[in-house]
Protein backbone atom coordinates (compact mmCIF):
# COMPACT_ATOMS: atom_id res chain seq x y z
CA MET A 1 36.79 -76.60 -201.76
CA LYS A 2 35.44 -75.79 -198.28
CA GLY A 3 32.37 -74.14 -199.79
CA LEU A 4 31.75 -77.18 -201.98
CA LEU A 5 32.20 -79.50 -199.00
CA ALA A 6 29.74 -77.45 -196.95
CA SER A 7 27.17 -77.80 -199.72
CA PHE A 8 27.61 -81.57 -199.72
CA LEU A 9 27.14 -81.66 -195.94
CA LEU A 10 23.96 -79.58 -196.07
CA LEU A 11 22.39 -81.68 -198.82
CA THR A 12 23.04 -84.94 -197.07
CA LEU A 13 21.41 -83.83 -193.82
CA VAL A 14 18.02 -84.01 -195.52
CA ALA A 15 18.72 -87.09 -197.65
CA PRO A 16 17.53 -89.71 -195.11
CA LEU A 17 14.31 -87.80 -194.57
CA ILE A 18 13.59 -87.72 -198.28
CA GLY A 19 14.32 -91.43 -198.68
CA ALA A 20 12.23 -92.41 -195.65
CA ASN A 21 8.95 -90.84 -196.82
CA LYS A 22 6.14 -93.38 -197.13
CA ASN A 23 2.57 -93.13 -198.34
CA SER A 24 0.30 -93.62 -195.33
CA ASN A 25 -2.58 -94.47 -197.67
CA SER A 26 -0.71 -97.16 -199.58
CA SER A 27 -1.82 -100.78 -199.55
CA ASN A 28 0.53 -103.19 -197.81
CA THR A 29 -0.45 -106.84 -198.07
CA THR A 30 1.63 -109.07 -195.80
CA TYR A 31 3.21 -112.25 -197.15
CA ASN A 32 4.06 -114.45 -194.16
CA VAL A 33 6.71 -117.10 -194.87
CA LEU A 34 4.70 -119.57 -192.76
CA ASP A 35 1.90 -119.35 -195.33
CA PHE A 36 4.36 -120.55 -197.97
CA GLY A 37 5.43 -123.65 -196.07
CA ALA A 38 8.17 -122.42 -193.72
CA VAL A 39 8.44 -124.39 -190.48
CA GLY A 40 10.70 -122.27 -188.30
CA ASP A 41 11.98 -125.01 -186.01
CA GLY A 42 15.67 -124.36 -186.73
CA SER A 43 16.05 -127.76 -188.42
CA ALA A 44 13.80 -127.86 -191.48
CA ASP A 45 15.09 -126.14 -194.61
CA ASP A 46 12.92 -123.05 -195.09
CA SER A 47 14.80 -121.67 -198.11
CA GLN A 48 12.14 -122.48 -200.71
CA ALA A 49 9.34 -120.98 -198.61
CA PHE A 50 11.34 -117.76 -198.25
CA LYS A 51 11.90 -117.63 -202.01
CA GLU A 52 8.20 -118.09 -202.73
CA ALA A 53 7.19 -115.45 -200.18
CA TRP A 54 9.69 -113.05 -201.74
CA GLN A 55 8.41 -113.77 -205.23
CA ALA A 56 4.85 -113.03 -204.13
CA SER A 57 5.97 -109.78 -202.51
CA CYS A 58 8.05 -108.81 -205.52
CA MET A 59 5.25 -109.45 -208.00
CA SER A 60 2.58 -107.81 -205.82
CA SER A 61 0.78 -104.81 -207.29
CA ASP A 62 0.47 -103.27 -203.81
CA ASP A 63 2.27 -100.02 -203.12
CA SER A 64 4.11 -101.42 -200.08
CA PRO A 65 4.03 -105.21 -199.89
CA ILE A 66 5.50 -106.81 -196.76
CA MET A 67 7.43 -110.07 -196.55
CA LEU A 68 7.10 -111.17 -192.92
CA ILE A 69 9.43 -113.45 -190.98
CA PRO A 70 7.40 -113.86 -187.77
CA ASN A 71 8.77 -113.83 -184.25
CA GLY A 72 8.99 -116.83 -181.96
CA LYS A 73 10.55 -118.93 -184.73
CA THR A 74 14.06 -119.82 -185.93
CA PHE A 75 14.35 -120.33 -189.69
CA LEU A 76 17.13 -122.36 -191.32
CA LEU A 77 18.24 -121.04 -194.70
CA ARG A 78 20.74 -122.36 -197.21
CA PRO A 79 22.24 -119.86 -199.72
CA VAL A 80 19.38 -117.94 -201.29
CA THR A 81 19.05 -114.89 -203.57
CA PHE A 82 16.18 -112.41 -203.56
CA SER A 83 16.28 -110.72 -206.95
CA GLY A 84 14.64 -107.57 -208.24
CA GLY A 85 12.46 -106.76 -211.19
CA CYS A 86 9.70 -106.05 -208.67
CA LYS A 87 6.54 -104.09 -209.34
CA SER A 88 6.86 -101.98 -206.19
CA ASN A 89 9.77 -99.74 -205.31
CA ASN A 90 8.80 -99.85 -201.65
CA ILE A 91 9.09 -103.48 -200.55
CA HIS A 92 9.41 -104.19 -196.83
CA VAL A 93 11.09 -107.26 -195.36
CA GLN A 94 10.10 -107.45 -191.69
CA ILE A 95 12.46 -109.81 -189.83
CA ASN A 96 11.02 -110.56 -186.39
CA GLY A 97 12.11 -114.19 -186.15
CA ASN A 98 15.68 -115.49 -186.09
CA ILE A 99 17.49 -116.79 -189.18
CA ILE A 100 20.36 -119.29 -189.05
CA ALA A 101 22.69 -120.88 -191.60
CA PRO A 102 23.56 -124.59 -191.52
CA SER A 103 26.29 -125.22 -188.96
CA GLU A 104 28.14 -127.64 -191.27
CA HIS A 105 29.66 -126.25 -194.46
CA SER A 106 28.73 -129.48 -196.25
CA GLN A 107 25.07 -128.69 -195.60
CA TRP A 108 25.07 -125.27 -197.24
CA GLY A 109 24.08 -126.70 -200.61
CA CYS A 110 23.30 -124.35 -203.49
CA TYR A 111 19.98 -123.18 -204.84
CA GLU A 112 21.80 -120.59 -206.94
CA THR A 113 24.96 -120.81 -209.04
CA ASP A 114 26.73 -118.44 -206.67
CA CYS A 115 27.46 -119.86 -203.22
CA ASP A 116 29.92 -117.16 -202.15
CA HIS A 117 27.16 -115.47 -200.17
CA TRP A 118 24.51 -116.78 -197.81
CA ILE A 119 21.68 -114.24 -198.18
CA THR A 120 21.71 -111.98 -201.25
CA PHE A 121 19.48 -109.07 -202.24
CA ALA A 122 20.23 -107.97 -205.81
CA ASN A 123 19.00 -105.61 -208.53
CA LEU A 124 16.52 -103.73 -206.38
CA ASP A 125 15.19 -100.20 -206.23
CA GLY A 126 13.40 -99.36 -202.98
CA LEU A 127 13.85 -101.92 -200.18
CA TYR A 128 13.31 -101.64 -196.42
CA ILE A 129 14.72 -104.42 -194.25
CA ASP A 130 13.69 -103.96 -190.63
CA GLY A 131 13.83 -106.14 -187.56
CA SER A 132 12.93 -106.21 -183.90
CA ASN A 133 16.55 -106.98 -182.99
CA ALA A 134 16.17 -110.41 -184.58
CA ILE A 135 19.31 -112.52 -184.91
CA ILE A 136 20.87 -113.45 -188.25
CA ASP A 137 23.40 -116.13 -187.31
CA GLY A 138 25.87 -117.43 -189.89
CA GLN A 139 27.09 -120.18 -187.52
CA GLY A 140 30.55 -119.79 -189.01
CA SER A 141 32.75 -121.34 -186.32
CA LYS A 142 33.50 -124.46 -188.38
CA TRP A 143 34.41 -122.32 -191.40
CA TRP A 144 37.07 -120.24 -189.68
CA SER A 145 39.73 -122.94 -189.86
CA ARG A 146 39.13 -123.53 -193.58
CA SER A 147 41.30 -121.78 -196.17
CA CYS A 148 38.25 -120.90 -198.30
CA GLN A 149 36.18 -119.45 -195.48
CA ASP A 150 36.60 -115.84 -196.58
CA GLU A 151 34.63 -116.56 -199.76
CA ASN A 152 31.44 -117.37 -197.84
CA ASN A 153 29.92 -114.14 -196.62
CA ALA A 154 26.63 -113.69 -194.82
CA PHE A 155 24.52 -110.82 -196.13
CA PHE A 156 25.19 -109.43 -199.61
CA LEU A 157 23.58 -106.37 -201.18
CA GLU A 158 24.45 -105.63 -204.81
CA HIS A 159 23.17 -103.45 -207.65
CA ALA A 160 20.64 -101.83 -205.33
CA ASN A 161 19.30 -98.32 -204.86
CA ASN A 162 17.43 -96.73 -201.95
CA VAL A 163 17.86 -99.50 -199.37
CA HIS A 164 17.31 -99.17 -195.62
CA ILE A 165 18.61 -101.84 -193.20
CA LYS A 166 18.00 -101.40 -189.47
CA ASN A 167 17.37 -103.04 -186.10
CA LEU A 168 19.11 -106.36 -186.79
CA ASN A 169 21.72 -108.48 -184.99
CA PHE A 170 24.26 -110.14 -187.29
CA MET A 171 26.58 -112.70 -185.75
CA ASN A 172 29.18 -115.37 -186.48
CA SER A 173 29.41 -115.09 -190.26
CA PRO A 174 31.77 -117.53 -191.99
CA GLY A 175 33.29 -114.46 -193.67
CA MET A 176 32.17 -110.84 -193.86
CA HIS A 177 28.85 -110.08 -192.22
CA LEU A 178 27.34 -107.38 -194.45
CA ILE A 179 28.64 -106.43 -197.90
CA ILE A 180 27.38 -103.43 -199.88
CA GLU A 181 28.57 -103.53 -203.47
CA ARG A 182 27.72 -101.51 -206.59
CA SER A 183 24.86 -99.82 -204.78
CA THR A 184 23.75 -96.29 -203.97
CA TRP A 185 21.65 -94.54 -201.34
CA VAL A 186 22.02 -97.25 -198.74
CA TYR A 187 21.25 -96.59 -195.07
CA VAL A 188 22.36 -98.97 -192.30
CA SER A 189 21.40 -98.07 -188.74
CA ASN A 190 20.91 -99.58 -185.31
CA VAL A 191 22.55 -102.87 -186.18
CA THR A 192 24.73 -105.01 -183.94
CA ILE A 193 27.43 -107.21 -185.47
CA THR A 194 29.42 -109.67 -183.35
CA ALA A 195 31.93 -112.46 -183.86
CA PRO A 196 34.80 -113.77 -181.70
CA GLN A 197 37.97 -111.70 -181.71
CA GLN A 198 39.90 -114.67 -183.12
CA SER A 199 37.54 -115.29 -186.07
CA PRO A 200 39.40 -114.50 -189.34
CA ASN A 201 38.13 -112.23 -192.11
CA THR A 202 34.82 -111.56 -190.36
CA ASP A 203 34.57 -107.86 -191.25
CA GLY A 204 31.44 -106.24 -189.87
CA ILE A 205 30.49 -104.14 -192.90
CA HIS A 206 32.37 -103.93 -196.22
CA ILE A 207 31.58 -101.26 -198.82
CA GLN A 208 32.80 -101.58 -202.40
CA GLU A 209 32.08 -99.59 -205.58
CA SER A 210 29.17 -97.79 -203.94
CA THR A 211 28.16 -94.19 -203.41
CA ASN A 212 25.95 -92.27 -200.98
CA VAL A 213 26.11 -94.85 -198.19
CA PHE A 214 25.23 -93.99 -194.57
CA ILE A 215 26.20 -96.22 -191.63
CA TYR A 216 25.28 -94.90 -188.21
CA ASN A 217 24.28 -95.63 -184.61
CA SER A 218 25.55 -99.21 -184.58
CA SER A 219 27.81 -101.51 -182.57
CA ILE A 220 30.37 -103.76 -184.26
CA GLY A 221 32.90 -106.15 -182.75
CA THR A 222 34.47 -108.95 -184.81
CA GLY A 223 37.78 -110.62 -185.62
CA ASP A 224 38.59 -108.23 -188.47
CA ASP A 225 37.70 -104.66 -189.50
CA CYS A 226 34.58 -103.21 -187.96
CA ILE A 227 34.10 -101.40 -191.26
CA SER A 228 36.28 -101.88 -194.36
CA ILE A 229 36.15 -99.64 -197.41
CA GLY A 230 37.09 -100.92 -200.85
CA GLY A 231 37.90 -99.23 -204.13
CA GLY A 232 35.28 -97.29 -206.05
CA THR A 233 33.64 -96.01 -202.89
CA SER A 234 32.59 -92.37 -202.60
CA TYR A 235 30.34 -90.23 -200.43
CA LEU A 236 30.42 -92.66 -197.52
CA ASN A 237 29.27 -91.44 -194.11
CA ILE A 238 30.06 -93.36 -190.92
CA SER A 239 28.84 -91.95 -187.62
CA GLY A 240 27.96 -93.04 -184.10
CA ILE A 241 29.78 -96.38 -184.21
CA SER A 242 31.04 -98.41 -181.26
CA CYS A 243 33.91 -100.50 -182.66
CA GLY A 244 35.69 -103.31 -180.85
CA PRO A 245 37.08 -105.82 -180.64
CA GLY A 246 38.48 -105.93 -184.16
CA HIS A 247 40.89 -104.12 -186.45
CA GLY A 248 39.19 -100.73 -186.46
CA ILE A 249 37.93 -98.82 -189.51
CA SER A 250 40.05 -99.28 -192.64
CA ILE A 251 40.24 -97.93 -196.16
CA GLY A 252 41.74 -100.78 -198.17
CA SER A 253 43.63 -102.71 -198.83
CA LEU A 254 43.65 -100.91 -202.17
CA GLY A 255 45.49 -101.63 -205.41
CA ARG A 256 45.74 -105.40 -205.25
CA GLU A 257 47.47 -106.92 -208.30
CA GLY A 258 48.39 -103.42 -209.45
CA ARG A 259 44.83 -102.20 -209.89
CA GLU A 260 44.17 -98.47 -210.05
CA GLU A 261 41.61 -97.65 -207.37
CA GLN A 262 40.09 -94.53 -205.91
CA VAL A 263 38.25 -93.73 -202.68
CA GLU A 264 36.90 -90.24 -202.10
CA TYR A 265 34.59 -88.24 -199.86
CA VAL A 266 34.55 -90.45 -196.78
CA HIS A 267 33.40 -88.86 -193.53
CA VAL A 268 33.99 -90.71 -190.24
CA SER A 269 32.72 -89.10 -187.04
CA ASN A 270 31.76 -89.87 -183.45
CA ILE A 271 33.53 -93.21 -183.24
CA GLN A 272 34.41 -95.06 -180.05
CA PHE A 273 37.10 -97.73 -180.30
CA LYS A 274 37.29 -100.39 -177.60
CA LYS A 275 40.69 -102.11 -177.52
CA THR A 276 40.87 -102.56 -181.28
CA SER A 277 44.20 -103.62 -182.79
CA ASN A 278 44.05 -100.41 -184.87
CA GLY A 279 41.98 -97.25 -184.86
CA VAL A 280 41.66 -95.81 -188.37
CA ARG A 281 44.01 -96.72 -191.21
CA ILE A 282 44.55 -96.59 -194.97
CA LYS A 283 46.30 -99.55 -196.63
CA THR A 284 47.65 -100.19 -200.14
CA TRP A 285 49.32 -103.09 -201.95
CA ARG A 286 52.75 -103.01 -203.56
CA LYS A 287 53.10 -101.64 -207.08
CA SER A 288 49.66 -100.03 -207.07
CA ALA A 289 48.28 -96.66 -208.17
CA VAL A 290 45.78 -95.51 -205.58
CA GLN A 291 44.14 -92.15 -205.01
CA VAL A 292 42.46 -91.35 -201.69
CA SER A 293 40.90 -87.89 -201.42
CA ASN A 294 38.60 -85.81 -199.24
CA ILE A 295 38.65 -88.05 -196.17
CA THR A 296 37.64 -86.59 -192.80
CA TYR A 297 37.92 -88.05 -189.29
CA ASN A 298 36.14 -86.14 -186.53
CA ASN A 299 35.63 -86.93 -182.84
CA VAL A 300 37.36 -90.31 -182.88
CA TYR A 301 38.21 -91.62 -179.43
CA GLY A 302 38.72 -94.71 -177.26
CA THR A 303 41.51 -97.26 -176.93
CA SER A 304 43.73 -99.05 -179.42
CA ASP A 305 45.41 -102.32 -178.47
CA GLY A 306 48.72 -100.96 -179.78
CA GLU A 307 50.47 -97.61 -179.52
CA ILE A 308 49.64 -96.76 -183.17
CA ALA A 309 45.98 -95.93 -183.49
CA VAL A 310 46.03 -94.03 -186.80
CA LYS A 311 48.03 -95.49 -189.69
CA PHE A 312 48.20 -94.42 -193.32
CA ASP A 313 50.32 -97.18 -194.78
CA CYS A 314 51.62 -97.02 -198.35
CA SER A 315 53.50 -100.08 -199.58
CA GLU A 316 57.14 -99.57 -200.60
CA TRP A 317 56.37 -99.46 -204.31
CA GLY A 318 52.82 -98.23 -204.15
CA GLN A 319 51.75 -94.80 -205.35
CA PHE A 320 49.50 -93.30 -202.71
CA TRP A 321 48.31 -89.71 -202.49
CA LEU A 322 46.21 -88.06 -199.81
CA LEU A 323 44.52 -85.14 -201.52
CA GLY A 324 43.22 -82.27 -199.35
CA PRO A 325 41.34 -81.68 -197.28
CA ALA A 326 41.66 -85.43 -196.64
CA VAL A 327 42.22 -85.86 -192.90
CA GLU A 328 42.62 -82.16 -192.06
CA SER A 329 39.75 -82.44 -189.57
CA PHE A 330 41.46 -85.18 -187.58
CA TRP A 331 42.59 -83.79 -184.25
CA ALA A 332 44.55 -86.25 -182.12
CA GLY A 333 44.20 -84.32 -178.88
CA GLU A 334 40.46 -83.83 -179.13
CA SER A 335 40.02 -87.42 -180.28
CA ASN A 336 41.71 -88.79 -177.15
CA LEU A 337 42.98 -92.01 -178.67
CA VAL A 338 44.94 -94.12 -176.19
CA GLY A 339 47.37 -96.95 -176.91
CA THR A 340 46.69 -99.56 -174.24
CA ARG A 341 50.00 -101.41 -174.42
CA ARG A 342 52.16 -98.50 -173.29
CA GLY A 343 49.57 -96.00 -172.19
CA GLY A 344 49.42 -92.35 -173.16
CA ALA A 345 48.23 -90.83 -176.43
CA ALA A 346 48.34 -93.15 -179.41
CA ARG A 347 50.55 -92.12 -182.33
CA VAL A 348 49.67 -91.12 -185.87
CA VAL A 349 51.90 -92.82 -188.46
CA THR A 350 52.05 -92.17 -192.20
CA ASN A 351 54.33 -92.89 -195.11
CA SER A 352 52.14 -91.17 -197.70
CA ARG A 353 53.61 -88.57 -200.04
CA HIS A 354 52.10 -85.43 -198.55
CA PRO A 355 55.03 -83.02 -198.04
CA ASP A 356 54.04 -81.84 -194.55
CA PRO A 357 53.75 -84.62 -191.90
CA GLY A 358 52.22 -82.16 -189.43
CA TRP A 359 49.29 -81.72 -191.80
CA LEU A 360 47.80 -84.95 -190.47
CA THR A 361 46.81 -83.41 -187.14
CA ARG A 362 45.78 -79.95 -188.27
CA SER A 363 42.21 -78.86 -187.61
CA SER A 364 40.15 -77.78 -190.60
CA GLY A 365 37.84 -75.70 -188.43
CA MET A 366 34.88 -78.01 -188.94
CA GLY A 367 34.32 -78.25 -185.18
CA HIS A 368 35.17 -81.08 -182.82
CA GLY A 369 32.60 -83.03 -180.89
CA ASN A 370 29.79 -81.74 -183.09
CA HIS A 371 28.27 -83.70 -185.94
CA PRO A 372 29.49 -81.82 -189.02
CA GLY A 373 26.88 -83.37 -191.31
CA TRP A 374 27.01 -86.00 -194.00
CA LEU A 375 28.42 -86.03 -197.49
CA THR A 376 26.43 -86.62 -200.63
CA ASN A 377 26.94 -85.92 -204.30
CA SER A 378 23.31 -85.23 -205.19
CA ARG A 379 19.80 -85.09 -203.81
CA HIS A 380 18.17 -88.37 -202.93
CA PRO A 381 16.16 -89.51 -205.97
CA GLY A 382 13.21 -90.66 -203.84
């Protein structure tokens, strides 16, 4: 198993380099949203102009077409979907200007049949979304008191392959800020995600039914999980994250309504928690059959708002197995997790079915304080 794991780590070290290769001789016509009628005054609805600029980029015969959102402007968007079927597998969306959602939920409107998400990218192969630290503001404060607010998420990526998202500031989503679902080979880096500590269900990044996902060198502080991991996720790599405030980094909840769910090959390393209500945790629902395997935590440190910073929580009637090496690489002493309410080292709590409770804090020899590499199940296709 260790030899197999080492192979995965070695392969994934080169994966981002393979996916990031670009043809310096390729043509790259720029499609500026202003040329399609966008105003950018923060009041006029620019949704249709964005859709037309995307359509032109998508249908372009260029090798690397660019959809440009220029700086110095603030663009108001209602729910909009940017769909695939594009001619190029190397489309760039350059976000230099700010993007905001309507502040009133009654003004969201619907250009698509699905209004659960604000900005959606779907059915794509080869997409680069880059910014110059532009702001994507969901203006969700008036949603947070509504019972349906958790259905309206900000940035949704689904059925996508080879996607790079970097250098963006997400803030104040009505629900989750960035969702990655049914996608593979997704890289998220150098993003900042913020929402008030009291804002409900505003997870920073949620990953579901996806594989070969890399999230690194980012800062997240919201009212819910910094990063939440749903069922069907495998080969997920999280590294270099500053997390807090929020609920920490969570696998689950898994097994809702009795569903059988599996999460495997998740590697979490070099994480700093800042007064989060939890550190890392695994959660399941009652009467569920859940399998969680090959999970590693390495070099996790900082402060938890409570004395329990690591919690693997199986419901009373749930079936929950941690299959080795699972968290063998978690080392509480090296990680230096502190519970701020009582001081001292934070505790590790589990009610999983592994027969040896001490196994949770046993080193696997992978090395502490050093980046052990990333996990992947194959070479990057690009």
